[in-house]
Amino acid sequence: MKVVKSLAICILIAGLTFLFSITVSGKVYAQKSADSTYQKGVDYLKQNKVDDAILELTKAIELNPKSDKAYYDRGRAYDAKGEIDKAIEDYTNAINNPSAETIQAACNNRGLDYEKKGELDKALQDYTKGIEGMPNPTFSGFKYFKSVLHRNRAEVYRVKGEFDKAMEDVRSIQALGGDADPAFIEKVRNKDSSGGVNVGSKEKEKYPGSNSEVNLYNSRGYQSFKSGRYDEAIADYNRALAINPDDTLVLANRANAYGSKGKINEAIADFKRILEIDPNDYKVCHDLGLTYADIRDYSSALYYFNKALEINPALENDGQFHNDRCVAYFFLRDYNNCWADVNKAIQLGYRVHPQFLSELKRTSGRGN
């Protein structure tokens, strides 16, 4: 009886050992699968394939619901799409399951999103939490990131009129070896909470804090755009438009950034939004014509070129305009009007590209 019992125990132990090995192996496999799926999502994000990134990062979260990195990077993807509330939710999950790798970054990004929503006190809390989470960084990269948190917090303090606290953050940036923007310091010293955007009282009521924040994000975005950092530029334009979605200057800047990235449909949408706000913006009509020409929709390009001329008849004396419109006529095989624009451009002193002239002569079968 004892032998049988011992044998049964051995069998039971062997069975439990087998089950344990399967369980452990399954967990290891699941972890590897979650890690590889997460990395795939991050790779998509680097390629600006935002929807694909969200799909893969969602899978990674399903495989590992406590992956703060996956929540954080999916939050970044939602930010890129302008889906602020979803981004905040993901940053919150990252903060609730923190690791040293993501806690400060998640606090910083959630703070920026709260700024977009005009919830400045919540933004301050997040920047403070991020700062306090890395008390004495020694690595230069961590010092830089702590400086960023101080800079973002200082800007919110300035907007709120808490200039002494803003200056304390400036001194903290300098103590970390960072450079504080002299123009920003000057504004703090002058107790200037505005950003120089000329908007009326109704707009101020509708978009709290827009006087400073819209201008800040638009200016910073434009600097990134000029340096070829289009993703950073678009992110800042998104922040500005979250405060004032009808700012035509920011919309135009974002459209140009989208165009530079090859996101033509997004650029067209921004240009059309401007025309909804200001139907008489002939420059945007001209830009739309050029944008449609980029995707070889020459009928639409011609429509907007002509609309620009209708709004502003002075374009009749603009050689660049005639040169741009003649290209649409050429691809629509309307050679008579193409030649008329070419001759007008030349008459106005514009140098039409010799290769285009040669092709026009060959295709139209005429010399002028």
Protein backbone atom coordinates (compact mmCIF):
# COMPACT_ATOMS: atom_id res chain seq x y z
CA MET A 1 0.00 0.00 0.00
CA LYS A 2 2.85 2.32 0.91
CA VAL A 3 4.58 1.46 -2.35
CA VAL A 4 1.49 2.31 -4.34
CA LYS A 5 1.11 5.55 -2.36
CA SER A 6 4.75 6.48 -2.99
CA LEU A 7 4.36 5.72 -6.67
CA ALA A 8 1.24 7.85 -6.78
CA ILE A 9 3.13 10.69 -5.10
CA CYS A 10 5.99 10.33 -7.57
CA ILE A 11 3.55 10.43 -10.45
CA LEU A 12 1.85 13.46 -8.92
CA ILE A 13 5.18 15.25 -8.41
CA ALA A 14 6.27 14.40 -11.93
CA GLY A 15 2.97 15.68 -13.28
CA LEU A 16 3.22 18.91 -11.30
CA THR A 17 6.82 19.39 -12.46
CA PHE A 18 5.72 18.91 -16.07
CA LEU A 19 2.84 21.35 -15.65
CA PHE A 20 5.16 23.85 -13.97
CA SER A 21 7.65 23.60 -16.82
CA ILE A 22 4.85 24.16 -19.33
CA THR A 23 3.59 27.14 -17.36
CA VAL A 24 7.04 28.70 -17.04
CA SER A 25 7.78 28.01 -20.69
CA GLY A 26 4.45 29.60 -21.63
CA LYS A 27 5.24 32.70 -19.59
CA VAL A 28 8.67 33.00 -21.17
CA TYR A 29 7.17 32.58 -24.61
CA ALA A 30 4.48 35.14 -23.86
CA GLN A 31 7.11 37.60 -22.61
CA LYS A 32 9.22 37.14 -25.73
CA SER A 33 6.13 37.52 -27.89
CA ALA A 34 5.10 40.70 -26.03
CA ASP A 35 8.61 42.14 -26.38
CA SER A 36 8.85 41.43 -30.10
CA THR A 37 5.35 42.82 -30.72
CA TYR A 38 6.23 45.93 -28.71
CA GLN A 39 9.41 46.43 -30.73
CA LYS A 40 7.46 46.07 -33.96
CA GLY A 41 5.09 48.79 -32.78
CA VAL A 42 7.99 51.10 -31.91
CA ASP A 43 9.53 50.49 -35.34
CA TYR A 44 6.24 51.46 -36.99
CA LEU A 45 6.15 54.61 -34.87
CA LYS A 46 9.66 55.55 -36.02
CA GLN A 47 8.44 55.18 -39.62
CA ASN A 48 5.43 57.42 -38.86
CA LYS A 49 3.06 54.51 -39.54
CA VAL A 50 0.93 55.56 -36.61
CA ASP A 51 -2.10 53.31 -37.12
CA ASP A 52 0.13 50.25 -37.56
CA ALA A 53 2.06 51.25 -34.42
CA ILE A 54 -1.16 51.49 -32.40
CA LEU A 55 -2.27 48.07 -33.62
CA GLU A 56 1.00 46.36 -32.63
CA LEU A 57 1.33 48.19 -29.31
CA THR A 58 -2.25 47.22 -28.44
CA LYS A 59 -1.32 43.58 -29.07
CA ALA A 60 1.74 44.02 -26.86
CA ILE A 61 -0.44 45.40 -24.06
CA GLU A 62 -2.84 42.48 -24.38
CA LEU A 63 0.10 40.11 -24.01
CA ASN A 64 1.56 42.10 -21.11
CA PRO A 65 -1.01 44.42 -19.47
CA LYS A 66 1.66 45.88 -17.16
CA SER A 67 3.99 47.01 -19.92
CA ASP A 68 4.53 50.69 -19.10
CA LYS A 69 6.69 51.07 -22.21
CA ALA A 70 3.91 49.85 -24.50
CA TYR A 71 1.38 52.20 -22.87
CA TYR A 72 3.81 55.10 -23.11
CA ASP A 73 4.62 54.56 -26.78
CA ARG A 74 0.98 54.00 -27.70
CA GLY A 75 0.29 57.30 -25.96
CA ARG A 76 2.89 58.90 -28.24
CA ALA A 77 1.13 57.37 -31.25
CA TYR A 78 -2.24 58.73 -30.13
CA ASP A 79 -0.61 62.14 -29.64
CA ALA A 80 0.62 62.01 -33.24
CA LYS A 81 -2.99 61.47 -34.34
CA GLY A 82 -4.21 64.32 -32.16
CA GLU A 83 -6.27 61.93 -29.98
CA ILE A 84 -5.33 63.64 -26.74
CA ASP A 85 -7.72 61.90 -24.35
CA LYS A 86 -6.57 58.45 -25.47
CA ALA A 87 -2.95 59.56 -25.11
CA ILE A 88 -3.59 60.81 -21.58
CA GLU A 89 -5.22 57.49 -20.67
CA ASP A 90 -2.18 55.58 -21.91
CA TYR A 91 0.30 57.87 -20.15
CA THR A 92 -1.74 57.37 -16.97
CA ASN A 93 -1.44 53.59 -17.32
CA ALA A 94 2.30 53.97 -17.87
CA ILE A 95 2.59 56.13 -14.73
CA ASN A 96 0.54 53.61 -12.73
CA ASN A 97 2.92 50.80 -13.75
CA PRO A 98 6.14 52.79 -13.61
CA SER A 99 9.72 51.97 -14.41
CA ALA A 100 12.70 54.29 -14.40
CA GLU A 101 12.61 54.23 -18.20
CA THR A 102 9.20 55.83 -18.64
CA ILE A 103 7.95 57.60 -15.50
CA GLN A 104 9.48 61.02 -16.25
CA ALA A 105 8.72 60.88 -19.96
CA ALA A 106 5.12 59.84 -19.33
CA CYS A 107 4.65 62.64 -16.78
CA ASN A 108 6.14 65.15 -19.22
CA ASN A 109 3.97 64.05 -22.14
CA ARG A 110 0.81 63.89 -20.07
CA GLY A 111 1.62 67.37 -18.79
CA LEU A 112 1.88 68.65 -22.36
CA ASP A 113 -1.47 67.07 -23.19
CA TYR A 114 -3.11 68.66 -20.16
CA GLU A 115 -1.73 71.98 -21.42
CA LYS A 116 -3.46 71.36 -24.75
CA LYS A 117 -6.71 70.91 -22.88
CA GLY A 118 -6.12 74.08 -20.88
CA GLU A 119 -5.84 72.09 -17.61
CA LEU A 120 -2.75 73.91 -16.40
CA ASP A 121 -2.90 72.80 -12.75
CA LYS A 122 -2.84 69.15 -13.81
CA ALA A 123 0.08 69.94 -16.14
CA LEU A 124 1.97 71.49 -13.21
CA GLN A 125 1.36 68.40 -11.08
CA ASP A 126 2.77 66.14 -13.80
CA TYR A 127 5.87 68.25 -14.43
CA THR A 128 6.50 68.38 -10.67
CA LYS A 129 6.06 64.62 -10.34
CA GLY A 130 8.54 64.09 -13.17
CA ILE A 131 11.06 66.48 -11.60
CA GLU A 132 10.77 64.92 -8.15
CA GLY A 133 11.14 61.45 -9.66
CA MET A 134 14.77 62.15 -10.61
CA PRO A 135 16.22 64.20 -7.72
CA ASN A 136 19.96 64.23 -8.52
CA PRO A 137 20.67 62.92 -12.03
CA THR A 138 24.32 62.44 -12.91
CA PHE A 139 24.01 61.17 -16.51
CA SER A 140 23.97 64.10 -18.96
CA GLY A 141 20.91 62.76 -20.78
CA PHE A 142 18.91 62.66 -17.53
CA LYS A 143 20.09 66.17 -16.66
CA TYR A 144 18.87 67.40 -20.01
CA PHE A 145 15.50 65.73 -19.56
CA LYS A 146 15.08 67.19 -16.08
CA SER A 147 15.84 70.60 -17.62
CA VAL A 148 13.02 70.01 -20.13
CA LEU A 149 10.60 69.33 -17.28
CA HIS A 150 11.69 72.50 -15.51
CA ARG A 151 11.33 74.47 -18.74
CA ASN A 152 7.81 73.18 -19.36
CA ARG A 153 6.80 73.87 -15.77
CA ALA A 154 8.31 77.37 -15.91
CA GLU A 155 6.23 78.16 -18.99
CA VAL A 156 3.01 77.14 -17.22
CA TYR A 157 3.95 79.21 -14.17
CA ARG A 158 4.58 82.19 -16.48
CA VAL A 159 1.20 81.79 -18.20
CA LYS A 160 -0.47 81.61 -14.77
CA GLY A 161 1.34 84.75 -13.65
CA GLU A 162 3.42 82.94 -10.99
CA PHE A 163 6.66 84.61 -12.04
CA ASP A 164 8.72 83.89 -8.91
CA LYS A 165 8.14 80.17 -9.34
CA ALA A 166 8.95 80.44 -13.04
CA MET A 167 12.27 82.09 -12.17
CA GLU A 168 13.04 79.32 -9.66
CA ASP A 169 12.71 76.82 -12.50
CA VAL A 170 15.00 78.97 -14.66
CA ARG A 171 17.65 78.83 -11.92
CA SER A 172 17.18 75.04 -11.69
CA ILE A 173 17.80 74.73 -15.43
CA GLN A 174 21.02 76.71 -15.09
CA ALA A 175 22.12 74.63 -12.09
CA LEU A 176 21.72 71.52 -14.24
CA GLY A 177 24.02 73.05 -16.85
CA GLY A 178 21.23 73.86 -19.27
CA ASP A 179 20.63 77.06 -21.21
CA ALA A 180 17.52 79.04 -20.35
CA ASP A 181 16.05 81.01 -23.24
CA PRO A 182 17.01 84.71 -22.73
CA ALA A 183 13.73 85.86 -24.32
CA PHE A 184 11.80 83.69 -21.87
CA ILE A 185 13.79 85.05 -18.90
CA GLU A 186 13.06 88.58 -20.08
CA LYS A 187 9.33 87.86 -20.18
CA VAL A 188 9.43 86.44 -16.66
CA ARG A 189 11.35 89.46 -15.36
CA ASN A 190 8.88 91.80 -17.05
CA LYS A 191 5.98 89.79 -15.61
CA ASP A 192 4.72 89.18 -19.12
CA SER A 193 2.25 86.27 -19.34
CA SER A 194 1.26 86.97 -22.93
CA GLY A 195 2.64 85.41 -26.09
CA GLY A 196 2.03 88.25 -28.53
CA VAL A 197 -0.85 86.67 -30.43
CA ASN A 198 -3.29 89.43 -31.37
CA VAL A 199 -6.73 88.01 -30.62
CA GLY A 200 -9.93 89.68 -29.50
CA SER A 201 -11.60 89.33 -26.14
CA LYS A 202 -14.09 86.73 -27.40
CA GLU A 203 -11.27 84.54 -28.66
CA LYS A 204 -9.47 84.92 -25.34
CA GLU A 205 -12.57 83.73 -23.51
CA LYS A 206 -13.04 80.82 -25.90
CA TYR A 207 -9.42 79.67 -25.80
CA PRO A 208 -7.99 80.29 -22.31
CA GLY A 209 -4.26 80.93 -22.35
CA SER A 210 -4.10 81.15 -26.15
CA ASN A 211 -2.28 84.48 -25.95
CA SER A 212 0.89 82.71 -24.95
CA GLU A 213 0.57 79.03 -25.73
CA VAL A 214 -0.52 79.21 -29.36
CA ASN A 215 2.33 81.55 -30.17
CA LEU A 216 4.80 79.42 -28.24
CA TYR A 217 3.90 76.19 -29.99
CA ASN A 218 3.60 77.79 -33.42
CA SER A 219 6.99 79.51 -33.11
CA ARG A 220 8.67 76.37 -31.80
CA GLY A 221 7.03 74.31 -34.53
CA TYR A 222 8.24 76.68 -37.22
CA GLN A 223 11.81 76.47 -35.94
CA SER A 224 11.61 72.66 -36.08
CA PHE A 225 10.16 72.85 -39.58
CA LYS A 226 13.03 75.05 -40.82
CA SER A 227 15.47 72.51 -39.39
CA GLY A 228 13.75 69.65 -41.22
CA ARG A 229 12.31 68.11 -38.03
CA TYR A 230 8.83 67.76 -39.48
CA ASP A 231 7.42 65.37 -36.86
CA GLU A 232 8.38 67.72 -34.04
CA ALA A 233 6.91 70.65 -35.98
CA ILE A 234 3.61 68.84 -36.55
CA ALA A 235 3.44 67.85 -32.88
CA ASP A 236 3.76 71.50 -31.83
CA TYR A 237 1.24 72.67 -34.43
CA ASN A 238 -1.16 70.04 -33.06
CA ARG A 239 -0.68 71.48 -29.58
CA ALA A 240 -1.40 75.00 -30.84
CA LEU A 241 -4.49 73.87 -32.74
CA ALA A 242 -5.79 71.99 -29.71
CA ILE A 243 -6.00 75.44 -28.06
CA ASN A 244 -7.31 77.33 -31.10
CA PRO A 245 -8.44 75.07 -33.94
CA ASP A 246 -9.28 78.07 -36.16
CA ASP A 247 -5.81 79.65 -36.22
CA THR A 248 -5.20 79.91 -39.97
CA LEU A 249 -1.48 80.64 -39.62
CA VAL A 250 -0.90 77.45 -37.64
CA LEU A 251 -3.08 75.47 -40.06
CA ALA A 252 -1.03 76.75 -43.01
CA ASN A 253 2.22 75.91 -41.24
CA ARG A 254 1.01 72.42 -40.44
CA ALA A 255 -0.13 71.94 -44.04
CA ASN A 256 3.36 72.82 -45.25
CA ALA A 257 4.91 70.41 -42.75
CA TYR A 258 2.55 67.64 -43.89
CA GLY A 259 3.43 68.41 -47.51
CA SER A 260 7.14 68.18 -46.74
CA LYS A 261 6.55 64.71 -45.26
CA GLY A 262 4.58 63.61 -48.32
CA LYS A 263 1.29 63.52 -46.39
CA ILE A 264 -0.57 65.28 -49.16
CA ASN A 265 -4.11 64.37 -48.08
CA GLU A 266 -3.47 65.84 -44.63
CA ALA A 267 -2.01 68.99 -46.20
CA ILE A 268 -5.05 69.38 -48.46
CA ALA A 269 -7.39 68.96 -45.49
CA ASP A 270 -5.62 71.77 -43.61
CA PHE A 271 -5.67 74.10 -46.62
CA LYS A 272 -9.39 73.46 -47.14
CA ARG A 273 -10.06 74.11 -43.47
CA ILE A 274 -8.43 77.53 -43.89
CA LEU A 275 -10.73 78.29 -46.82
CA GLU A 276 -13.73 77.37 -44.67
CA ILE A 277 -12.56 79.99 -42.18
CA ASP A 278 -11.46 82.56 -44.79
CA PRO A 279 -12.85 81.84 -48.30
CA ASN A 280 -10.91 84.81 -49.73
CA ASP A 281 -7.41 83.55 -48.92
CA TYR A 282 -6.00 83.50 -52.45
CA LYS A 283 -2.57 82.36 -51.27
CA VAL A 284 -4.07 79.17 -49.86
CA CYS A 285 -5.94 78.63 -53.14
CA HIS A 286 -2.60 78.91 -54.95
CA ASP A 287 -0.98 76.52 -52.48
CA LEU A 288 -3.85 74.06 -52.97
CA GLY A 289 -3.28 74.24 -56.71
CA LEU A 290 0.38 73.35 -56.22
CA THR A 291 -0.50 70.56 -53.78
CA TYR A 292 -2.99 68.96 -56.17
CA ALA A 293 -0.40 69.23 -58.94
CA ASP A 294 1.98 67.23 -56.72
CA ILE A 295 -0.46 64.30 -56.77
CA ARG A 296 -1.19 64.81 -60.50
CA ASP A 297 -4.78 65.91 -59.97
CA TYR A 298 -4.44 68.66 -62.55
CA SER A 299 -8.16 69.40 -62.87
CA SER A 300 -8.34 70.26 -59.17
CA ALA A 301 -5.05 72.15 -59.43
CA LEU A 302 -6.45 74.28 -62.25
CA TYR A 303 -9.67 74.90 -60.33
CA TYR A 304 -7.78 76.36 -57.36
CA PHE A 305 -5.33 78.34 -59.51
CA ASN A 306 -8.29 80.00 -61.23
CA LYS A 307 -10.02 80.55 -57.89
CA ALA A 308 -6.91 82.32 -56.61
CA LEU A 309 -6.98 84.61 -59.66
CA GLU A 310 -10.69 85.24 -59.19
CA ILE A 311 -10.10 86.32 -55.59
CA ASN A 312 -7.03 88.39 -56.41
CA PRO A 313 -6.97 89.69 -60.03
CA ALA A 314 -3.51 91.16 -59.35
CA LEU A 315 -2.12 87.64 -59.91
CA GLU A 316 -2.55 88.39 -63.61
CA ASN A 317 0.71 90.31 -63.28
CA ASP A 318 2.54 87.55 -61.37
CA GLY A 319 4.90 85.51 -63.57
CA GLN A 320 5.20 82.74 -60.97
CA PHE A 321 1.42 82.27 -60.99
CA HIS A 322 1.29 81.89 -64.78
CA ASN A 323 4.21 79.47 -64.70
CA ASP A 324 2.48 77.32 -62.08
CA ARG A 325 -0.86 77.30 -63.88
CA CYS A 326 0.65 76.49 -67.27
CA VAL A 327 1.85 73.15 -65.88
CA ALA A 328 -1.75 72.17 -65.09
CA TYR A 329 -2.84 73.19 -68.59
CA PHE A 330 0.03 71.18 -70.09
CA PHE A 331 -0.94 67.90 -68.42
CA LEU A 332 -4.58 68.51 -69.27
CA ARG A 333 -3.42 68.90 -72.90
CA ASP A 334 -4.91 72.37 -73.15
CA TYR A 335 -1.96 73.64 -75.11
CA ASN A 336 -3.52 76.95 -76.19
CA ASN A 337 -4.00 78.12 -72.62
CA CYS A 338 -0.66 76.59 -71.64
CA TRP A 339 1.11 78.70 -74.29
CA ALA A 340 -0.84 81.77 -73.20
CA ASP A 341 0.41 81.34 -69.61
CA VAL A 342 3.96 80.59 -70.73
CA ASN A 343 4.11 83.70 -72.92
CA LYS A 344 2.59 85.82 -70.15
CA ALA A 345 5.14 84.52 -67.64
CA ILE A 346 8.02 85.31 -70.03
CA GLN A 347 6.55 88.74 -70.76
CA LEU A 348 6.51 89.47 -67.01
CA GLY A 349 10.20 88.53 -66.77
CA TYR A 350 9.77 85.04 -65.34
CA ARG A 351 12.29 82.44 -66.56
CA VAL A 352 10.31 79.37 -67.65
CA HIS A 353 12.41 76.21 -67.41
CA PRO A 354 14.01 75.49 -70.83
CA GLN A 355 13.29 71.75 -70.59
CA PHE A 356 9.59 72.44 -70.01
CA LEU A 357 9.54 74.80 -73.01
CA SER A 358 11.20 72.18 -75.17
CA GLU A 359 8.68 69.52 -74.14
CA LEU A 360 5.77 71.91 -74.70
CA LYS A 361 7.00 72.68 -78.22
CA ARG A 362 7.42 69.01 -79.00
CA THR A 363 4.08 67.91 -77.53
CA SER A 364 1.97 70.77 -78.87
CA GLY A 365 3.62 70.77 -82.30
CA ARG A 366 4.13 74.53 -82.31
CA GLY A 367 6.87 77.00 -81.52
CA ASN A 368 5.04 79.55 -79.40
